[in-house]
């Protein structure tokens, strides 16, 4: 019979079902197009790694300013995303070999779609870790399942799971890393700290500023046990050593490219406008593009007030990264839908919603009404970016970019995409049922122009892979809709299984008095 001191059983099967459910839904709304310049550039670096074992890219993908000491051209990004993409690129190559399928006479669109799938997988992994982290801090599997679902569909992770940016990959590694450190500390185990530190090291090699999160986690471990027990000393040594290895690897990577251990190819400039911009601007307000952040912050404050062990850790990571990004002159993130740089913080903040008194545990009255309203708004604000490619919409609108007018509502991504969404949904629905075929010149099935993406060639289409293939004549309307319904049906089944597992997990804990989760 378990006692109150028995470590609680982690609902891993439920977490796996969360991953599968979110992945199926994300696949139903996936784009299959990279679109942004940064995403395409990393794709070509992935291609170089997979086919030549090299890290350089063509001049037109890089630029004269990134000419390396080896006489080749490089990217000013971490190598982590390109390495992560390699298996997905290889899977795309295998699929091409087995099927012989081409789009527009080229294999590039399908290879890019396969690489983009890596972001979709990473975003689903994030949702599973949000469930686990929320469960660790709240003890309620059902509330944690609600939180994970709202993170998946009520945060910018949904649209960023479609794009080629490194936001989803960085988020997965950051939340996994912080979760590993947290579990290791509260369980007095070294193993979770090892894989947590390794995840953070991978995050550093993707976005170098993630070192701030690693240092915050290391400082938290040091301060967590003034007596410095043997286990805690081992944890600190392991985490510190792995992070130091990541820094050395980063410096070595810089030497290979640019001949200087501290030259990463990009020198940021700093200011203070971001403190207002990331809170209140139409271009990148975290409260506009992720309204549930308010609930998450309320949960974080509660953790801090009750001296919960997760409060200081999540508070330190949030503070370090928010201040850094707010100080950047490019605080809004070029070519972004909302606060791209803050997306990796959202898994941590959404997990804390599970302990907010007017969050998922609110049952009646005004707290429940307010919670449901904020949740609905958070889902609604993601739909314009999920249905419409924001890069294509902005190009057609001909308005200033958020970098040029960050406080202008006229150029806000959510406004532009929202205006384009309604008409596009009606037009594409009519095309699917054959009421109003799309103009012949728009559905030209000739070769794709060199370097073009499906989202730009088929700018009239909703940003879904199955709809692109329908317009290109690769799928019939019935097959395209069937693919959508099958994936959504799978998602519903997995969510149902997850809900049953969460209910059973809570019932077991209540009937066996199984461990108080991570109390102060």
Protein backbone atom coordinates (compact mmCIF):
# COMPACT_ATOMS: atom_id res chain seq x y z
CA UNK A 1 0.00 0.00 0.00
CA UNK A 2 1.55 3.35 -1.02
CA UNK A 3 2.07 5.88 1.73
CA UNK A 4 2.29 9.65 1.69
CA UNK A 5 6.07 9.34 1.34
CA UNK A 6 5.87 7.05 -1.68
CA UNK A 7 6.96 8.80 -4.90
CA UNK A 8 3.86 9.25 -7.06
CA UNK A 9 3.57 7.21 -10.23
CA UNK A 10 4.08 9.44 -13.26
CA UNK A 11 1.19 9.09 -15.75
CA UNK A 12 3.57 8.46 -18.65
CA UNK A 13 0.98 6.63 -20.75
CA UNK A 14 -1.32 9.63 -20.52
CA UNK A 15 1.56 11.90 -21.57
CA UNK A 16 2.21 9.66 -24.59
CA UNK A 17 -1.48 9.89 -25.52
CA UNK A 18 -1.28 13.69 -25.23
CA UNK A 19 1.66 13.66 -27.62
CA UNK A 20 -0.18 11.42 -30.10
CA UNK A 21 -3.40 13.44 -29.90
CA UNK A 22 -1.67 16.77 -30.43
CA UNK A 23 0.53 15.39 -33.20
CA UNK A 24 -2.49 14.05 -35.12
CA UNK A 25 -4.30 17.39 -34.84
CA UNK A 26 -1.16 19.31 -35.83
CA UNK A 27 -0.71 17.04 -38.86
CA UNK A 28 -4.28 17.83 -39.89
CA UNK A 29 -3.45 21.55 -39.96
CA UNK A 30 0.19 21.30 -41.08
CA UNK A 31 1.38 23.51 -43.91
CA UNK A 32 3.99 21.53 -45.75
CA UNK A 33 5.71 24.79 -46.71
CA UNK A 34 8.61 26.62 -45.07
CA UNK A 35 7.98 30.12 -46.45
CA UNK A 36 10.29 32.26 -44.30
CA UNK A 37 13.86 33.05 -45.37
CA UNK A 38 15.36 31.77 -42.13
CA UNK A 39 13.50 28.46 -42.41
CA UNK A 40 14.59 27.93 -46.01
CA UNK A 41 18.18 28.81 -45.09
CA UNK A 42 18.24 26.18 -42.32
CA UNK A 43 16.71 23.69 -44.76
CA UNK A 44 19.70 24.15 -47.06
CA UNK A 45 22.07 23.70 -44.13
CA UNK A 46 20.24 20.47 -43.30
CA UNK A 47 20.64 19.42 -46.93
CA UNK A 48 24.38 20.12 -46.75
CA UNK A 49 24.71 18.06 -43.58
CA UNK A 50 22.70 15.14 -44.96
CA UNK A 51 24.26 14.99 -48.42
CA UNK A 52 27.79 16.33 -47.98
CA UNK A 53 28.49 16.20 -44.27
CA UNK A 54 29.17 19.95 -44.42
CA UNK A 55 27.70 22.98 -42.63
CA UNK A 56 28.05 25.64 -45.33
CA UNK A 57 25.25 26.88 -47.59
CA UNK A 58 25.11 28.58 -51.02
CA UNK A 59 25.94 32.28 -51.22
CA UNK A 60 22.38 33.25 -52.10
CA UNK A 61 21.13 31.57 -48.92
CA UNK A 62 23.76 33.24 -46.73
CA UNK A 63 25.46 36.48 -47.79
CA UNK A 64 28.87 38.11 -48.18
CA UNK A 65 28.99 39.13 -44.52
CA UNK A 66 28.97 35.45 -43.47
CA UNK A 67 31.94 34.34 -45.54
CA UNK A 68 33.83 31.94 -43.29
CA UNK A 69 37.52 31.36 -42.77
CA UNK A 70 37.21 28.27 -44.98
CA UNK A 71 36.11 30.38 -47.95
CA UNK A 72 32.55 29.08 -47.71
CA UNK A 73 29.34 30.77 -46.63
CA UNK A 74 27.60 30.00 -43.35
CA UNK A 75 24.49 30.90 -41.37
CA UNK A 76 24.44 33.03 -38.22
CA UNK A 77 22.35 30.43 -36.41
CA UNK A 78 23.06 27.58 -34.04
CA UNK A 79 23.62 24.17 -35.59
CA UNK A 80 21.02 22.44 -33.41
CA UNK A 81 18.01 22.86 -35.66
CA UNK A 82 19.84 21.69 -38.79
CA UNK A 83 21.09 18.56 -36.99
CA UNK A 84 17.61 17.85 -35.62
CA UNK A 85 16.18 18.16 -39.15
CA UNK A 86 18.48 15.54 -40.70
CA UNK A 87 16.34 12.46 -39.87
CA UNK A 88 13.26 14.18 -41.28
CA UNK A 89 15.16 15.12 -44.43
CA UNK A 90 16.29 11.50 -44.77
CA UNK A 91 12.70 10.31 -44.31
CA UNK A 92 11.63 12.66 -47.10
CA UNK A 93 14.32 11.23 -49.39
CA UNK A 94 13.15 7.71 -48.63
CA UNK A 95 9.53 8.62 -49.33
CA UNK A 96 10.53 10.15 -52.67
CA UNK A 97 12.45 7.02 -53.61
CA UNK A 98 9.52 4.75 -52.73
CA UNK A 99 6.73 6.82 -54.28
CA UNK A 100 8.40 8.83 -57.05
CA UNK A 101 6.04 11.69 -56.15
CA UNK A 102 6.98 15.18 -57.34
CA UNK A 103 5.25 18.54 -56.93
CA UNK A 104 5.64 21.04 -59.73
CA UNK A 105 8.24 18.78 -61.31
CA UNK A 106 10.54 19.10 -58.29
CA UNK A 107 11.39 17.05 -55.22
CA UNK A 108 12.15 20.16 -53.12
CA UNK A 109 8.56 20.88 -51.93
CA UNK A 110 8.18 17.40 -50.47
CA UNK A 111 11.63 17.48 -48.86
CA UNK A 112 10.82 20.85 -47.30
CA UNK A 113 7.49 19.49 -46.09
CA UNK A 114 9.30 16.57 -44.49
CA UNK A 115 11.71 18.92 -42.73
CA UNK A 116 8.82 21.12 -41.59
CA UNK A 117 7.32 17.99 -40.02
CA UNK A 118 10.17 18.08 -37.51
CA UNK A 119 8.71 21.25 -36.01
CA UNK A 120 5.31 19.58 -35.77
CA UNK A 121 6.78 16.67 -33.82
CA UNK A 122 8.71 19.02 -31.51
CA UNK A 123 5.56 21.05 -30.80
CA UNK A 124 3.66 17.88 -29.85
CA UNK A 125 6.53 16.86 -27.55
CA UNK A 126 6.16 20.26 -25.87
CA UNK A 127 2.50 19.58 -25.13
CA UNK A 128 3.38 16.26 -23.48
CA UNK A 129 5.95 17.94 -21.23
CA UNK A 130 3.46 20.67 -20.35
CA UNK A 131 1.13 17.91 -19.15
CA UNK A 132 3.88 16.31 -17.06
CA UNK A 133 5.09 19.58 -15.57
CA UNK A 134 1.54 20.71 -14.75
CA UNK A 135 0.89 17.35 -13.09
CA UNK A 136 4.07 17.61 -11.03
CA UNK A 137 3.12 21.00 -9.61
CA UNK A 138 -0.65 20.46 -9.19
CA UNK A 139 -1.18 16.73 -8.62
CA UNK A 140 -4.28 16.79 -10.83
CA UNK A 141 -3.93 14.80 -14.06
CA UNK A 142 -7.28 16.03 -15.36
CA UNK A 143 -6.44 19.70 -14.83
CA UNK A 144 -3.03 19.06 -16.39
CA UNK A 145 -4.66 17.49 -19.46
CA UNK A 146 -6.79 20.61 -19.93
CA UNK A 147 -3.70 22.77 -19.59
CA UNK A 148 -1.78 20.70 -22.16
CA UNK A 149 -4.66 20.90 -24.65
CA UNK A 150 -4.91 24.65 -24.21
CA UNK A 151 -1.18 25.01 -24.66
CA UNK A 152 -1.40 23.02 -27.89
CA UNK A 153 -4.30 25.00 -29.37
CA UNK A 154 -4.43 28.19 -27.33
CA UNK A 155 -0.84 29.37 -27.66
CA UNK A 156 1.38 30.44 -30.58
CA UNK A 157 2.90 26.97 -30.46
CA UNK A 158 0.09 25.85 -32.79
CA UNK A 159 1.08 28.16 -35.67
CA UNK A 160 4.79 27.85 -34.90
CA UNK A 161 4.45 24.08 -35.14
CA UNK A 162 3.68 24.73 -38.84
CA UNK A 163 6.54 27.11 -39.62
CA UNK A 164 10.23 26.44 -40.10
CA UNK A 165 11.42 28.68 -37.27
CA UNK A 166 13.32 27.05 -34.41
CA UNK A 167 10.73 28.16 -31.83
CA UNK A 168 9.12 24.71 -31.47
CA UNK A 169 12.42 22.83 -31.28
CA UNK A 170 13.88 25.27 -28.75
CA UNK A 171 10.69 25.12 -26.68
CA UNK A 172 10.78 21.32 -26.54
CA UNK A 173 14.39 21.27 -25.39
CA UNK A 174 13.89 24.07 -22.86
CA UNK A 175 10.82 22.59 -21.17
CA UNK A 176 12.38 19.10 -21.18
CA UNK A 177 15.59 20.49 -19.68
CA UNK A 178 13.94 22.49 -16.92
CA UNK A 179 11.57 19.62 -16.16
CA UNK A 180 14.53 17.22 -15.86
CA UNK A 181 16.35 19.52 -13.42
CA UNK A 182 13.17 19.96 -11.39
CA UNK A 183 12.39 16.23 -11.15
CA UNK A 184 15.99 15.48 -10.26
CA UNK A 185 15.97 17.99 -7.44
CA UNK A 186 12.64 17.08 -5.84
CA UNK A 187 13.21 13.33 -6.28
CA UNK A 188 16.87 13.48 -5.22
CA UNK A 189 17.95 11.63 -8.37
CA UNK A 190 20.91 12.35 -10.64
CA UNK A 191 19.51 10.72 -13.79
CA UNK A 192 16.84 13.35 -14.57
CA UNK A 193 19.43 16.10 -14.11
CA UNK A 194 21.64 14.39 -16.69
CA UNK A 195 19.06 14.25 -19.47
CA UNK A 196 17.68 17.63 -18.41
CA UNK A 197 21.10 19.24 -18.72
CA UNK A 198 21.66 17.52 -22.05
CA UNK A 199 18.35 18.93 -23.36
CA UNK A 200 19.41 22.39 -22.21
CA UNK A 201 22.77 21.93 -23.94
CA UNK A 202 20.95 21.12 -27.18
CA UNK A 203 18.84 24.25 -26.67
CA UNK A 204 22.05 26.29 -26.31
CA UNK A 205 23.33 24.90 -29.61
CA UNK A 206 20.07 25.99 -31.25
CA UNK A 207 19.52 29.38 -29.67
CA UNK A 208 22.60 30.47 -27.77
CA UNK A 209 20.72 32.67 -25.29
CA UNK A 210 19.19 29.50 -23.80
CA UNK A 211 22.40 29.41 -21.77
CA UNK A 212 20.65 31.97 -19.54
CA UNK A 213 17.97 29.40 -18.76
CA UNK A 214 20.64 26.79 -18.05
CA UNK A 215 22.46 29.12 -15.69
CA UNK A 216 19.19 29.96 -13.93
CA UNK A 217 18.54 26.24 -13.44
CA UNK A 218 22.06 25.64 -12.18
CA UNK A 219 21.79 28.53 -9.72
CA UNK A 220 18.49 27.11 -8.50
CA UNK A 221 20.13 23.74 -7.84
CA UNK A 222 22.96 25.40 -5.92
CA UNK A 223 20.55 27.42 -3.76
CA UNK A 224 18.10 24.55 -3.24
CA UNK A 225 20.18 22.67 -0.65
CA UNK A 226 22.41 24.82 1.61
CA UNK A 227 23.82 21.66 3.19
CA UNK A 228 25.16 20.55 -0.21
CA UNK A 229 24.49 16.84 0.24
CA UNK A 230 26.43 14.33 -1.84
CA UNK A 231 23.54 13.87 -4.26
CA UNK A 232 23.12 17.61 -4.68
CA UNK A 233 26.85 18.10 -5.27
CA UNK A 234 26.75 15.40 -7.93
CA UNK A 235 23.74 17.03 -9.59
CA UNK A 236 25.46 20.42 -9.64
CA UNK A 237 28.65 18.94 -11.06
CA UNK A 238 26.81 17.05 -13.79
CA UNK A 239 24.63 20.00 -14.85
CA UNK A 240 27.54 22.45 -14.69
CA UNK A 241 29.79 20.12 -16.66
CA UNK A 242 27.27 19.48 -19.42
CA UNK A 243 26.47 23.19 -19.78
CA UNK A 244 30.19 23.98 -19.87
CA UNK A 245 30.55 21.39 -22.62
CA UNK A 246 27.78 23.13 -24.58
CA UNK A 247 29.59 26.45 -24.29
CA UNK A 248 32.86 24.90 -25.49
CA UNK A 249 31.03 23.24 -28.40
CA UNK A 250 29.47 26.60 -29.32
CA UNK A 251 32.89 28.29 -29.25
CA UNK A 252 34.42 25.50 -31.35
CA UNK A 253 31.58 25.86 -33.88
CA UNK A 254 32.32 29.59 -34.11
CA UNK A 255 36.02 28.94 -34.69
CA UNK A 256 35.23 26.53 -37.52
CA UNK A 257 32.98 29.07 -39.22
CA UNK A 258 34.44 32.48 -38.49
CA UNK A 259 37.81 31.85 -36.82
CA UNK A 260 36.81 33.43 -33.51
CA UNK A 261 35.30 31.55 -30.54
CA UNK A 262 33.03 34.50 -29.72
CA UNK A 263 31.98 35.34 -33.31
CA UNK A 264 28.59 33.77 -34.00
CA UNK A 265 27.84 35.75 -37.16
CA UNK A 266 25.33 38.09 -35.59
CA UNK A 267 25.88 40.95 -33.16
CA UNK A 268 22.66 42.01 -31.40
CA UNK A 269 21.90 45.62 -30.53
CA UNK A 270 20.00 46.61 -27.44
CA UNK A 271 17.36 49.09 -26.30
CA UNK A 272 14.41 49.28 -23.90
CA UNK A 273 11.38 49.55 -26.20
CA UNK A 274 10.84 45.81 -25.96
CA UNK A 275 9.65 46.05 -22.36
CA UNK A 276 6.57 47.86 -23.64
CA UNK A 277 6.43 46.08 -26.99
CA UNK A 278 6.34 42.52 -25.65
CA UNK A 279 3.54 43.50 -23.28
CA UNK A 280 1.38 45.97 -25.19
CA UNK A 281 2.26 46.22 -28.90
CA UNK A 282 -0.07 44.95 -31.67
CA UNK A 283 2.98 43.31 -33.28
CA UNK A 284 4.20 41.14 -30.41
CA UNK A 285 2.26 41.49 -27.17
CA UNK A 286 2.37 38.16 -25.37
CA UNK A 287 -0.99 38.98 -23.79
CA UNK A 288 -2.55 39.59 -27.21
CA UNK A 289 -1.17 36.48 -28.94
CA UNK A 290 -1.35 34.23 -25.85
CA UNK A 291 -4.04 35.62 -23.50
CA UNK A 292 -3.76 32.57 -21.23
CA UNK A 293 -0.36 33.88 -20.18
CA UNK A 294 -2.29 35.96 -17.63
CA UNK A 295 -3.57 32.78 -16.00
CA UNK A 296 -0.11 31.25 -16.12
CA UNK A 297 1.43 34.25 -14.41
CA UNK A 298 -1.25 34.05 -11.70
CA UNK A 299 -0.32 30.41 -11.19
CA UNK A 300 3.38 31.28 -11.03
CA UNK A 301 2.70 33.96 -8.42
CA UNK A 302 0.81 31.41 -6.34
CA UNK A 303 3.74 29.00 -6.54
CA UNK A 304 6.07 31.75 -5.38
CA UNK A 305 3.79 32.82 -2.52
CA UNK A 306 3.41 29.25 -1.25
CA UNK A 307 7.16 28.63 -1.60
CA UNK A 308 6.55 25.72 -3.94
CA UNK A 309 9.90 24.37 -5.22
CA UNK A 310 8.87 25.01 -8.83
CA UNK A 311 8.11 28.69 -8.22
CA UNK A 312 11.66 29.97 -7.88
CA UNK A 313 12.92 27.83 -10.78
CA UNK A 314 10.24 28.88 -13.27
CA UNK A 315 10.32 32.46 -12.01
CA UNK A 316 14.08 32.73 -12.53
CA UNK A 317 14.00 31.25 -16.05
CA UNK A 318 11.06 33.47 -17.05
CA UNK A 319 12.71 36.60 -15.69
CA UNK A 320 16.12 35.95 -17.25
CA UNK A 321 14.78 35.26 -20.73
CA UNK A 322 12.09 37.94 -20.75
CA UNK A 323 14.55 40.65 -19.74
CA UNK A 324 17.05 39.52 -22.37
CA UNK A 325 14.50 39.53 -25.19
CA UNK A 326 12.95 42.81 -24.05
CA UNK A 327 16.38 44.43 -24.25
CA UNK A 328 16.88 43.40 -27.87
CA UNK A 329 16.25 46.04 -30.53
CA UNK A 330 14.68 43.21 -32.55
CA UNK A 331 12.38 42.32 -29.67
CA UNK A 332 9.42 41.56 -31.96
CA UNK A 333 11.32 39.02 -34.06
CA UNK A 334 11.49 39.76 -37.77
CA UNK A 335 8.83 38.09 -39.93
CA UNK A 336 6.93 36.73 -36.94
CA UNK A 337 3.36 36.08 -35.86
CA UNK A 338 3.37 37.52 -32.36
CA UNK A 339 6.25 37.28 -29.86
CA UNK A 340 8.35 34.60 -31.54
CA UNK A 341 11.21 34.92 -29.08
CA UNK A 342 8.93 34.35 -26.08
CA UNK A 343 7.37 31.15 -27.44
CA UNK A 344 9.87 28.90 -25.58
CA UNK A 345 8.70 30.43 -22.28
CA UNK A 346 5.07 29.53 -22.88
CA UNK A 347 5.31 25.79 -22.00
CA UNK A 348 6.62 26.76 -18.56
CA UNK A 349 4.03 29.48 -17.98
CA UNK A 350 1.12 27.40 -19.25
CA UNK A 351 2.08 24.53 -16.93
CA UNK A 352 1.56 26.81 -13.92
CA UNK A 353 -2.08 27.39 -14.94
CA UNK A 354 -2.89 24.09 -13.26
CA UNK A 355 -2.54 25.70 -9.82
CA UNK A 356 -4.31 28.98 -10.59
CA UNK A 357 -7.54 29.15 -8.49
CA UNK A 358 -9.43 30.70 -11.41
CA UNK A 359 -7.86 28.33 -13.92
CA UNK A 360 -8.88 24.80 -14.97
CA UNK A 361 -9.84 23.84 -11.41
CA UNK A 362 -12.51 26.58 -11.22
CA UNK A 363 -15.90 24.85 -11.26
CA UNK A 364 -18.59 27.52 -10.91
CA UNK A 365 -19.30 31.23 -10.87
CA UNK A 366 -17.35 34.14 -12.27
CA UNK A 367 -13.90 32.49 -12.02
CA UNK A 368 -15.03 29.68 -14.33
CA UNK A 369 -16.68 32.13 -16.74
CA UNK A 370 -13.56 34.30 -16.87
CA UNK A 371 -11.34 31.25 -17.35
CA UNK A 372 -13.42 29.90 -20.22
CA UNK A 373 -13.56 33.31 -21.90
CA UNK A 374 -9.78 33.74 -21.80
CA UNK A 375 -9.29 30.16 -23.02
CA UNK A 376 -11.67 30.69 -25.96
CA UNK A 377 -9.95 33.95 -26.88
CA UNK A 378 -6.55 32.27 -26.77
CA UNK A 379 -7.67 29.59 -29.22
CA UNK A 380 -9.40 32.10 -31.49
CA UNK A 381 -6.31 34.30 -31.85
CA UNK A 382 -4.28 31.38 -33.20
CA UNK A 383 -6.72 30.56 -36.01
CA UNK A 384 -5.69 33.40 -38.39
CA UNK A 385 -2.08 32.13 -38.39
CA UNK A 386 -3.06 28.47 -38.57
CA UNK A 387 -5.34 28.94 -41.58
CA UNK A 388 -3.34 31.58 -43.48
CA UNK A 389 0.41 31.81 -44.10
CA UNK A 390 1.35 35.11 -42.48
CA UNK A 391 4.33 35.75 -44.78
CA UNK A 392 2.16 35.40 -47.89
CA UNK A 393 -0.63 37.54 -46.42
CA UNK A 394 1.78 40.33 -45.51
CA UNK A 395 3.34 40.30 -48.96
CA UNK A 396 -0.06 40.68 -50.58
CA UNK A 397 -1.23 43.39 -48.16
CA UNK A 398 1.62 45.76 -48.96
CA UNK A 399 1.75 47.33 -45.49
CA UNK A 400 4.79 48.13 -43.31
CA UNK A 401 6.35 45.20 -41.49
CA UNK A 402 6.04 45.00 -37.69
CA UNK A 403 9.69 46.06 -37.49
CA UNK A 404 8.82 49.30 -39.26
CA UNK A 405 5.56 49.95 -37.40
CA UNK A 406 5.41 47.73 -34.28
CA UNK A 407 2.69 49.81 -32.62
CA UNK A 408 0.42 50.06 -35.66
CA UNK A 409 -2.73 47.96 -35.64
CA UNK A 410 -2.94 48.24 -39.44
CA UNK A 411 0.18 46.07 -39.85
CA UNK A 412 -0.42 43.73 -36.89
CA UNK A 413 -0.17 40.08 -38.03
CA UNK A 414 -3.36 39.05 -36.24
CA UNK A 415 -5.31 41.82 -37.99
CA UNK A 416 -3.94 41.09 -41.48
CA UNK A 417 -4.42 37.35 -41.21
CA UNK A 418 -7.84 37.75 -39.62
CA UNK A 419 -9.06 39.87 -42.52
CA UNK A 420 -7.74 37.40 -45.07
CA UNK A 421 -9.04 34.31 -43.28
CA UNK A 422 -12.80 34.73 -43.71
CA UNK A 423 -12.88 35.12 -47.48
CA UNK A 424 -10.29 32.40 -48.01
CA UNK A 425 -12.27 29.87 -45.96
CA UNK A 426 -15.42 30.49 -48.01
CA UNK A 427 -13.59 30.38 -51.37
CA UNK A 428 -11.70 27.18 -50.56
CA UNK A 429 -14.80 25.47 -49.17
CA UNK A 430 -16.64 26.24 -52.41
CA UNK A 431 -13.70 24.90 -54.41
CA UNK A 432 -13.74 21.64 -52.45
CA UNK A 433 -17.43 21.04 -53.07
CA UNK A 434 -17.14 22.14 -56.70
CA UNK A 435 -19.48 25.13 -56.41
CA UNK A 436 -16.88 27.70 -57.41
CA UNK A 437 -13.67 26.33 -58.95
CA UNK A 438 -10.59 28.42 -58.33
CA UNK A 439 -9.47 30.45 -61.36
CA UNK A 440 -7.44 28.40 -63.84
CA UNK A 441 -4.54 30.80 -63.82
CA UNK A 442 -4.26 30.39 -60.03
CA UNK A 443 -4.14 26.62 -60.16
CA UNK A 444 -1.58 26.38 -62.92
CA UNK A 445 0.01 22.95 -62.56
CA UNK A 446 3.23 23.80 -64.31
CA UNK A 447 6.66 23.63 -62.68
CA UNK A 448 7.18 25.67 -59.54
CA UNK A 449 9.34 28.76 -60.11
CA UNK A 450 12.86 28.27 -58.77
CA UNK A 451 12.99 28.93 -55.05
CA UNK A 452 9.23 29.42 -54.70
CA UNK A 453 7.13 27.83 -51.96
CA UNK A 454 3.69 26.28 -52.19
CA UNK A 455 2.30 29.00 -49.93
CA UNK A 456 3.39 31.72 -52.39
CA UNK A 457 2.41 29.86 -55.58
CA UNK A 458 -1.01 29.01 -54.11
CA UNK A 459 -1.53 32.20 -52.11
CA UNK A 460 -5.32 31.87 -52.42
CA UNK A 461 -5.29 28.55 -50.55
CA UNK A 462 -5.64 27.97 -46.85
CA UNK A 463 -2.27 26.96 -45.40
CA UNK A 464 -2.91 23.20 -45.22
CA UNK A 465 -0.89 20.54 -47.04
CA UNK A 466 -3.91 18.49 -48.12
CA UNK A 467 -5.53 21.59 -49.60
CA UNK A 468 -2.35 22.50 -51.50
CA UNK A 469 -2.27 19.01 -52.98
CA UNK A 470 -5.94 19.33 -53.94
CA UNK A 471 -5.32 22.59 -55.79
CA UNK A 472 -2.31 21.03 -57.53
CA UNK A 473 -4.41 18.10 -58.69
CA UNK A 474 -2.54 15.54 -56.59
CA UNK A 475 -5.58 14.74 -54.41
CA UNK A 476 -9.28 14.69 -55.15
CA UNK A 477 -11.59 16.75 -52.95
CA UNK A 478 -12.93 13.59 -51.26
CA UNK A 479 -9.43 12.28 -50.54
CA UNK A 480 -8.26 15.64 -49.18
CA UNK A 481 -11.23 15.96 -46.84
CA UNK A 482 -10.92 12.30 -45.83
CA UNK A 483 -7.27 12.86 -44.85
CA UNK A 484 -8.34 15.78 -42.67
CA UNK A 485 -11.15 13.83 -40.99
CA UNK A 486 -8.99 10.76 -40.34
CA UNK A 487 -6.33 12.82 -38.58
CA UNK A 488 -8.89 14.74 -36.54
CA UNK A 489 -10.59 11.46 -35.65
CA UNK A 490 -7.29 9.99 -34.45
CA UNK A 491 -6.68 13.09 -32.37
CA UNK A 492 -10.10 12.77 -30.74
CA UNK A 493 -9.50 9.08 -29.94
CA UNK A 494 -6.14 9.76 -28.31
CA UNK A 495 -7.55 12.67 -26.32
CA UNK A 496 -10.34 10.38 -25.13
CA UNK A 497 -7.82 7.76 -24.02
CA UNK A 498 -5.78 10.48 -22.31
CA UNK A 499 -8.88 11.71 -20.48
CA UNK A 500 -9.65 8.21 -19.20
CA UNK A 501 -6.03 7.79 -18.11
CA UNK A 502 -6.05 11.14 -16.32
CA UNK A 503 -9.28 10.25 -14.51
CA UNK A 504 -7.89 6.90 -13.40
CA UNK A 505 -4.62 8.49 -12.29
CA UNK A 506 -6.45 10.98 -10.08
CA UNK A 507 -8.67 8.24 -8.68
CA UNK A 508 -5.65 6.10 -7.74
CA UNK A 509 -3.97 9.00 -5.97
CA UNK A 510 -7.12 9.82 -4.03
CA UNK A 511 -7.91 6.25 -2.96
CA UNK A 512 -4.33 5.29 -2.03
CA UNK A 513 -3.26 8.64 -0.57
CA UNK A 514 -0.31 8.42 -2.95
CA UNK A 515 2.31 11.06 -2.33
CA UNK A 516 1.78 14.78 -1.99
CA UNK A 517 3.36 16.08 -5.16
CA UNK A 518 6.42 18.26 -4.64
CA UNK A 519 5.12 20.30 -1.75
CA UNK A 520 7.38 22.92 -0.18
